[in-house]
Amino acid sequence: MEADYGFHVPYSGSAGQTGCYPGTYQSSTGQASCTDAEPGYFVSEHEASVPTACERGTYQPDSGQIECIEADYGYYVPSMGSPSQTPCERGTYQTSGGQHECIDAEPGYYVSTSAALYPSPCEPGTYQDSSGKLSCQSAEVDHYVAESAATGQSNCTDGATQPPRGQTSCIAADNSMLIKGGAAAPAGRACCAERKVGSMIGMCRGGSTRQ
């Protein structure tokens, strides 16, 4: 008699058939051996006629195995029957094992490397208003970002300014500053500037002048 599906007869003259062991299977009859489960598949029971594909989120790189391996933190397995796991791309992360997809970095956060477990918050002076990004944006001129993990920047108000980018605060307006003709002299310096016809004369403290 021929050996059944899931069985084999390894020796001639045998009085009976032998079931395939876990990790192996036999999908044909009359066979002398069983077949190892291929990478990406497993066989957990005796006398199996077919292997089982690893579910999404799991993988198996070796043959003849009885179970699959969960994807590591920072990795994912998007399809069934996979022999390997895939690192999360930059801009994404995964804090759990056994997952079939990665998570986009939320607004206010970024991921600059692959296989990341967690996203990184944007530092003060920077922000990110979109998801799945690799870096943060610097606050623009006359804007600021005071806190970490910001999703937007704030305008300088009440006459305050901020010439450089990427700042955490604004420079308060100085009431003693006189601005005329495009020239400005902050308080604490000797002179303010006032435009005269044909010349620039510095109107200095103490009643003196400087040309």
C-alpha atoms as a PDB file:
ATOM      1  CA  MET A   1       0.000   0.000   0.000  1.00  0.00           C
ATOM      2  CA  GLU A   2       1.102   3.561  -0.645  1.00  0.00           C
ATOM      3  CA  ALA A   3       1.801   5.854   2.248  1.00  0.00           C
ATOM      4  CA  ASP A   4      -0.968   8.411   2.812  1.00  0.00           C
ATOM      5  CA  TYR A   5      -0.723  12.188   2.668  1.00  0.00           C
ATOM      6  CA  GLY A   6       1.196  13.362   5.724  1.00  0.00           C
ATOM      7  CA  PHE A   7       2.970   9.981   6.036  1.00  0.00           C
ATOM      8  CA  HIS A   8       6.001   8.290   4.611  1.00  0.00           C
ATOM      9  CA  VAL A   9       7.599   4.836   4.532  1.00  0.00           C
ATOM     10  CA  PRO A  10      11.374   5.223   4.874  1.00  0.00           C
ATOM     11  CA  TYR A  11      12.319   1.538   4.590  1.00  0.00           C
ATOM     12  CA  SER A  12      11.363  -1.184   2.200  1.00  0.00           C
ATOM     13  CA  GLY A  13       9.522  -4.126   3.713  1.00  0.00           C
ATOM     14  CA  SER A  14       7.839  -1.913   6.351  1.00  0.00           C
ATOM     15  CA  ALA A  15       4.644  -3.186   7.901  1.00  0.00           C
ATOM     16  CA  GLY A  16       3.246   0.326   8.381  1.00  0.00           C
ATOM     17  CA  GLN A  17       3.621   3.993   7.499  1.00  0.00           C
ATOM     18  CA  THR A  18       5.145   6.735   9.634  1.00  0.00           C
ATOM     19  CA  GLY A  19       3.617  10.140  10.173  1.00  0.00           C
ATOM     20  CA  CYS A  20       5.600  13.230   9.278  1.00  0.00           C
ATOM     21  CA  TYR A  21       7.037  14.979  12.306  1.00  0.00           C
ATOM     22  CA  PRO A  22       6.381  18.646  13.212  1.00  0.00           C
ATOM     23  CA  GLY A  23       8.430  20.890  10.965  1.00  0.00           C
ATOM     24  CA  THR A  24       7.846  18.555   8.009  1.00  0.00           C
ATOM     25  CA  TYR A  25       4.956  17.590   5.740  1.00  0.00           C
ATOM     26  CA  GLN A  26       4.091  15.397   2.801  1.00  0.00           C
ATOM     27  CA  SER A  27       1.613  16.556   0.173  1.00  0.00           C
ATOM     28  CA  SER A  28       1.856  13.386  -1.973  1.00  0.00           C
ATOM     29  CA  THR A  29       1.162   9.700  -1.411  1.00  0.00           C
ATOM     30  CA  GLY A  30       3.613   6.790  -1.606  1.00  0.00           C
ATOM     31  CA  GLN A  31       6.622   8.792  -0.441  1.00  0.00           C
ATOM     32  CA  ALA A  32       9.750   7.565   1.353  1.00  0.00           C
ATOM     33  CA  SER A  33      10.404  10.833   3.192  1.00  0.00           C
ATOM     34  CA  CYS A  34       8.777  14.036   4.358  1.00  0.00           C
ATOM     35  CA  THR A  35       9.550  17.577   3.226  1.00  0.00           C
ATOM     36  CA  ASP A  36      10.892  20.298   5.506  1.00  0.00           C
ATOM     37  CA  ALA A  37       8.668  23.334   5.830  1.00  0.00           C
ATOM     38  CA  GLU A  38      10.166  26.060   3.646  1.00  0.00           C
ATOM     39  CA  PRO A  39      11.378  29.433   5.006  1.00  0.00           C
ATOM     40  CA  GLY A  40       8.323  31.600   5.615  1.00  0.00           C
ATOM     41  CA  TYR A  41       6.287  28.520   6.577  1.00  0.00           C
ATOM     42  CA  PHE A  42       5.956  26.165   9.547  1.00  0.00           C
ATOM     43  CA  VAL A  43       4.361  22.857  10.582  1.00  0.00           C
ATOM     44  CA  SER A  44       3.309  22.581  14.210  1.00  0.00           C
ATOM     45  CA  GLU A  45       1.556  19.169  14.114  1.00  0.00           C
ATOM     46  CA  HIS A  46       2.302  15.561  13.259  1.00  0.00           C
ATOM     47  CA  GLU A  47       1.148  14.017   9.972  1.00  0.00           C
ATOM     48  CA  ALA A  48       0.748  17.329   8.125  1.00  0.00           C
ATOM     49  CA  SER A  49       0.035  17.258   4.418  1.00  0.00           C
ATOM     50  CA  VAL A  50       0.762  20.970   3.848  1.00  0.00           C
ATOM     51  CA  PRO A  51       2.810  23.647   5.631  1.00  0.00           C
ATOM     52  CA  THR A  52       1.258  26.797   7.063  1.00  0.00           C
ATOM     53  CA  ALA A  53       2.354  30.272   5.987  1.00  0.00           C
ATOM     54  CA  CYS A  54       3.611  32.631   8.656  1.00  0.00           C
ATOM     55  CA  GLU A  55       1.041  35.323   9.405  1.00  0.00           C
ATOM     56  CA  ARG A  56       1.662  39.004   8.780  1.00  0.00           C
ATOM     57  CA  GLY A  57       3.829  40.378  11.545  1.00  0.00           C
ATOM     58  CA  THR A  58       5.771  37.100  11.777  1.00  0.00           C
ATOM     59  CA  TYR A  59       8.497  35.453   9.706  1.00  0.00           C
ATOM     60  CA  GLN A  60      10.690  32.380   9.556  1.00  0.00           C
ATOM     61  CA  PRO A  61      14.161  32.458   7.938  1.00  0.00           C
ATOM     62  CA  ASP A  62      14.875  28.747   8.368  1.00  0.00           C
ATOM     63  CA  SER A  63      13.372  25.548   6.996  1.00  0.00           C
ATOM     64  CA  GLY A  64      11.856  22.696   8.981  1.00  0.00           C
ATOM     65  CA  GLN A  65      10.460  24.900  11.738  1.00  0.00           C
ATOM     66  CA  ILE A  66       7.439  24.397  13.974  1.00  0.00           C
ATOM     67  CA  GLU A  67       6.566  28.077  14.501  1.00  0.00           C
ATOM     68  CA  CYS A  68       7.219  31.569  13.226  1.00  0.00           C
ATOM     69  CA  ILE A  69       9.068  34.485  14.828  1.00  0.00           C
ATOM     70  CA  GLU A  70       7.434  37.778  15.711  1.00  0.00           C
ATOM     71  CA  ALA A  71       8.866  40.873  14.047  1.00  0.00           C
ATOM     72  CA  ASP A  72      11.170  42.807  16.377  1.00  0.00           C
ATOM     73  CA  TYR A  73      10.535  46.311  17.696  1.00  0.00           C
ATOM     74  CA  GLY A  74      11.358  48.746  14.904  1.00  0.00           C
ATOM     75  CA  TYR A  75      10.559  46.130  12.250  1.00  0.00           C
ATOM     76  CA  TYR A  76       7.462  44.823  10.471  1.00  0.00           C
ATOM     77  CA  VAL A  77       6.335  42.006   8.183  1.00  0.00           C
ATOM     78  CA  PRO A  78       3.689  43.217   5.701  1.00  0.00           C
ATOM     79  CA  SER A  79       2.742  39.938   4.018  1.00  0.00           C
ATOM     80  CA  MET A  80       2.146  36.271   4.816  1.00  0.00           C
ATOM     81  CA  GLY A  81       4.763  33.602   4.173  1.00  0.00           C
ATOM     82  CA  SER A  82       7.698  35.930   4.696  1.00  0.00           C
ATOM     83  CA  PRO A  83      11.217  34.575   5.353  1.00  0.00           C
ATOM     84  CA  SER A  84      12.407  37.900   6.786  1.00  0.00           C
ATOM     85  CA  GLN A  85      11.379  41.061   8.615  1.00  0.00           C
ATOM     86  CA  THR A  86      11.723  44.595   7.257  1.00  0.00           C
ATOM     87  CA  PRO A  87      13.088  47.599   9.163  1.00  0.00           C
ATOM     88  CA  CYS A  88      10.750  50.549   9.513  1.00  0.00           C
ATOM     89  CA  GLU A  89      11.667  53.226   6.996  1.00  0.00           C
ATOM     90  CA  ARG A  90      12.901  56.643   8.081  1.00  0.00           C
ATOM     91  CA  GLY A  91       9.978  58.790   9.126  1.00  0.00           C
ATOM     92  CA  THR A  92       8.264  55.780  10.725  1.00  0.00           C
ATOM     93  CA  TYR A  93       8.705  53.682  13.867  1.00  0.00           C
ATOM     94  CA  GLN A  94       7.287  50.671  15.691  1.00  0.00           C
ATOM     95  CA  THR A  95       7.148  50.338  19.484  1.00  0.00           C
ATOM     96  CA  SER A  96       5.688  46.801  19.497  1.00  0.00           C
ATOM     97  CA  GLY A  97       6.739  43.407  18.197  1.00  0.00           C
ATOM     98  CA  GLY A  98       4.798  41.216  15.782  1.00  0.00           C
ATOM     99  CA  GLN A  99       3.460  44.067  13.663  1.00  0.00           C
ATOM    100  CA  HIS A 100       2.630  44.159   9.956  1.00  0.00           C
ATOM    101  CA  GLU A 101       3.160  47.900   9.482  1.00  0.00           C
ATOM    102  CA  CYS A 102       5.028  50.837  10.972  1.00  0.00           C
ATOM    103  CA  ILE A 103       3.676  54.068  12.426  1.00  0.00           C
ATOM    104  CA  ASP A 104       4.255  57.468  10.835  1.00  0.00           C
ATOM    105  CA  ALA A 105       6.006  59.964  13.084  1.00  0.00           C
ATOM    106  CA  GLU A 106       3.309  62.288  14.406  1.00  0.00           C
ATOM    107  CA  PRO A 107       3.356  66.072  13.850  1.00  0.00           C
ATOM    108  CA  GLY A 108       5.838  67.576  16.292  1.00  0.00           C
ATOM    109  CA  TYR A 109       8.079  64.505  15.973  1.00  0.00           C
ATOM    110  CA  TYR A 110      10.509  63.030  13.449  1.00  0.00           C
ATOM    111  CA  VAL A 111      12.436  59.804  12.749  1.00  0.00           C
ATOM    112  CA  SER A 112      15.818  60.228  11.056  1.00  0.00           C
ATOM    113  CA  THR A 113      16.964  56.575  11.087  1.00  0.00           C
ATOM    114  CA  SER A 114      15.528  53.260   9.974  1.00  0.00           C
ATOM    115  CA  ALA A 115      14.374  50.519  12.388  1.00  0.00           C
ATOM    116  CA  ALA A 116      13.378  53.150  14.975  1.00  0.00           C
ATOM    117  CA  LEU A 117      11.539  52.132  18.129  1.00  0.00           C
ATOM    118  CA  TYR A 118      10.327  55.640  18.968  1.00  0.00           C
ATOM    119  CA  PRO A 119      10.024  59.029  17.274  1.00  0.00           C
ATOM    120  CA  SER A 120      12.076  61.995  18.486  1.00  0.00           C
ATOM    121  CA  PRO A 121      10.418  65.272  19.519  1.00  0.00           C
ATOM    122  CA  CYS A 122      11.338  68.438  17.665  1.00  0.00           C
ATOM    123  CA  GLU A 123      13.667  70.571  19.784  1.00  0.00           C
ATOM    124  CA  PRO A 124      12.676  74.074  20.914  1.00  0.00           C
ATOM    125  CA  GLY A 125      13.287  76.450  18.016  1.00  0.00           C
ATOM    126  CA  THR A 126      12.003  73.858  15.550  1.00  0.00           C
ATOM    127  CA  TYR A 127       8.633  72.373  14.644  1.00  0.00           C
ATOM    128  CA  GLN A 128       6.983  69.856  12.327  1.00  0.00           C
ATOM    129  CA  ASP A 129       3.414  70.291  11.091  1.00  0.00           C
ATOM    130  CA  SER A 130       3.269  67.078   9.043  1.00  0.00           C
ATOM    131  CA  SER A 131       3.499  63.365   9.821  1.00  0.00           C
ATOM    132  CA  GLY A 132       6.058  60.816   8.656  1.00  0.00           C
ATOM    133  CA  LYS A 133       8.944  63.273   8.432  1.00  0.00           C
ATOM    134  CA  LEU A 134      12.696  62.753   8.753  1.00  0.00           C
ATOM    135  CA  SER A 135      13.504  66.092  10.404  1.00  0.00           C
ATOM    136  CA  CYS A 136      12.015  69.268  11.844  1.00  0.00           C
ATOM    137  CA  GLN A 137      11.787  72.775  10.413  1.00  0.00           C
ATOM    138  CA  SER A 138      13.512  75.780  11.956  1.00  0.00           C
ATOM    139  CA  ALA A 139      11.360  78.663  13.132  1.00  0.00           C
ATOM    140  CA  GLU A 140      11.392  81.397  10.482  1.00  0.00           C
ATOM    141  CA  VAL A 141      12.567  84.984  10.838  1.00  0.00           C
ATOM    142  CA  ASP A 142      10.356  86.920  13.288  1.00  0.00           C
ATOM    143  CA  HIS A 143       8.923  83.641  14.571  1.00  0.00           C
ATOM    144  CA  TYR A 144       9.813  81.398  17.500  1.00  0.00           C
ATOM    145  CA  VAL A 145       9.107  77.972  19.020  1.00  0.00           C
ATOM    146  CA  ALA A 146       9.363  77.881  22.802  1.00  0.00           C
ATOM    147  CA  GLU A 147       8.600  74.224  23.508  1.00  0.00           C
ATOM    148  CA  SER A 148       9.632  70.807  22.261  1.00  0.00           C
ATOM    149  CA  ALA A 149       7.388  68.619  20.068  1.00  0.00           C
ATOM    150  CA  ALA A 150       5.781  71.704  18.522  1.00  0.00           C
ATOM    151  CA  THR A 151       3.492  71.374  15.519  1.00  0.00           C
ATOM    152  CA  GLY A 152       3.788  75.027  14.508  1.00  0.00           C
ATOM    153  CA  GLN A 153       5.668  78.272  15.052  1.00  0.00           C
ATOM    154  CA  SER A 154       4.480  81.492  16.704  1.00  0.00           C
ATOM    155  CA  ASN A 155       4.707  85.058  15.403  1.00  0.00           C
ATOM    156  CA  CYS A 156       6.666  87.668  17.289  1.00  0.00           C
ATOM    157  CA  THR A 157       4.117  90.222  18.559  1.00  0.00           C
ATOM    158  CA  ASP A 158       3.925  93.751  19.999  1.00  0.00           C
ATOM    159  CA  GLY A 159       6.826  94.964  17.927  1.00  0.00           C
ATOM    160  CA  ALA A 160       9.174  92.182  18.995  1.00  0.00           C
ATOM    161  CA  THR A 161      11.540  90.767  16.404  1.00  0.00           C
ATOM    162  CA  GLN A 162      13.805  87.796  15.830  1.00  0.00           C
ATOM    163  CA  PRO A 163      16.239  88.091  12.906  1.00  0.00           C
ATOM    164  CA  PRO A 164      17.835  84.605  13.091  1.00  0.00           C
ATOM    165  CA  ARG A 165      15.949  81.416  12.293  1.00  0.00           C
ATOM    166  CA  GLY A 166      15.419  78.568  14.747  1.00  0.00           C
ATOM    167  CA  GLN A 167      14.934  80.642  17.882  1.00  0.00           C
ATOM    168  CA  THR A 168      12.991  79.922  21.066  1.00  0.00           C
ATOM    169  CA  SER A 169      11.883  83.502  21.815  1.00  0.00           C
ATOM    170  CA  CYS A 170      11.667  86.987  20.337  1.00  0.00           C
ATOM    171  CA  ILE A 171      13.597  90.149  21.141  1.00  0.00           C
ATOM    172  CA  ALA A 172      11.317  92.613  22.922  1.00  0.00           C
ATOM    173  CA  ALA A 173      10.799  96.043  21.394  1.00  0.00           C
ATOM    174  CA  ASP A 174      12.873  98.762  23.119  1.00  0.00           C
ATOM    175  CA  ASN A 175      10.883 101.942  23.721  1.00  0.00           C
ATOM    176  CA  SER A 176      14.065 104.041  23.746  1.00  0.00           C
ATOM    177  CA  MET A 177      14.994 102.918  20.244  1.00  0.00           C
ATOM    178  CA  LEU A 178      14.600 105.606  17.608  1.00  0.00           C
ATOM    179  CA  ILE A 179      14.241 104.384  14.048  1.00  0.00           C
ATOM    180  CA  LYS A 180      14.286 106.906  11.240  1.00  0.00           C
ATOM    181  CA  GLY A 181      15.271 106.676   7.624  1.00  0.00           C
ATOM    182  CA  GLY A 182      15.977 102.964   7.966  1.00  0.00           C
ATOM    183  CA  ALA A 183      18.727 103.433  10.586  1.00  0.00           C
ATOM    184  CA  ALA A 184      18.352 102.211  14.155  1.00  0.00           C
ATOM    185  CA  ALA A 185      20.398 102.589  17.299  1.00  0.00           C
ATOM    186  CA  PRO A 186      19.377 100.558  20.374  1.00  0.00           C
ATOM    187  CA  ALA A 187      19.373 101.994  23.858  1.00  0.00           C
ATOM    188  CA  GLY A 188      22.746 101.768  25.584  1.00  0.00           C
ATOM    189  CA  ARG A 189      24.626 103.019  22.549  1.00  0.00           C
ATOM    190  CA  ALA A 190      25.796 106.590  22.304  1.00  0.00           C
ATOM    191  CA  CYS A 191      23.669 107.913  19.502  1.00  0.00           C
ATOM    192  CA  CYS A 192      20.352 107.628  17.704  1.00  0.00           C
ATOM    193  CA  ALA A 193      20.162 108.374  14.022  1.00  0.00           C
ATOM    194  CA  GLU A 194      18.136 111.132  12.448  1.00  0.00           C
ATOM    195  CA  ARG A 195      18.141 111.866   8.743  1.00  0.00           C
ATOM    196  CA  LYS A 196      18.888 115.488   7.743  1.00  0.00           C
ATOM    197  CA  VAL A 197      18.946 116.966   4.319  1.00  0.00           C
ATOM    198  CA  GLY A 198      22.148 115.893   2.624  1.00  0.00           C
ATOM    199  CA  SER A 199      23.734 114.374   5.748  1.00  0.00           C
ATOM    200  CA  MET A 200      23.275 112.023   8.722  1.00  0.00           C
ATOM    201  CA  ILE A 201      23.730 113.602  12.126  1.00  0.00           C
ATOM    202  CA  GLY A 202      23.826 111.521  15.295  1.00  0.00           C
ATOM    203  CA  MET A 203      21.632 113.059  17.989  1.00  0.00           C
ATOM    204  CA  CYS A 204      23.538 111.987  21.104  1.00  0.00           C
ATOM    205  CA  ARG A 205      22.638 111.935  24.743  1.00  0.00           C
ATOM    206  CA  GLY A 206      23.828 114.908  26.810  1.00  0.00           C
ATOM    207  CA  GLY A 207      23.032 117.387  24.007  1.00  0.00           C
ATOM    208  CA  SER A 208      26.074 116.582  21.880  1.00  0.00           C
ATOM    209  CA  THR A 209      25.990 115.585  18.227  1.00  0.00           C
ATOM    210  CA  ARG A 210      28.115 113.393  16.035  1.00  0.00           C
ATOM    211  CA  GLN A 211      28.361 113.457  12.244  1.00  0.00           C
END
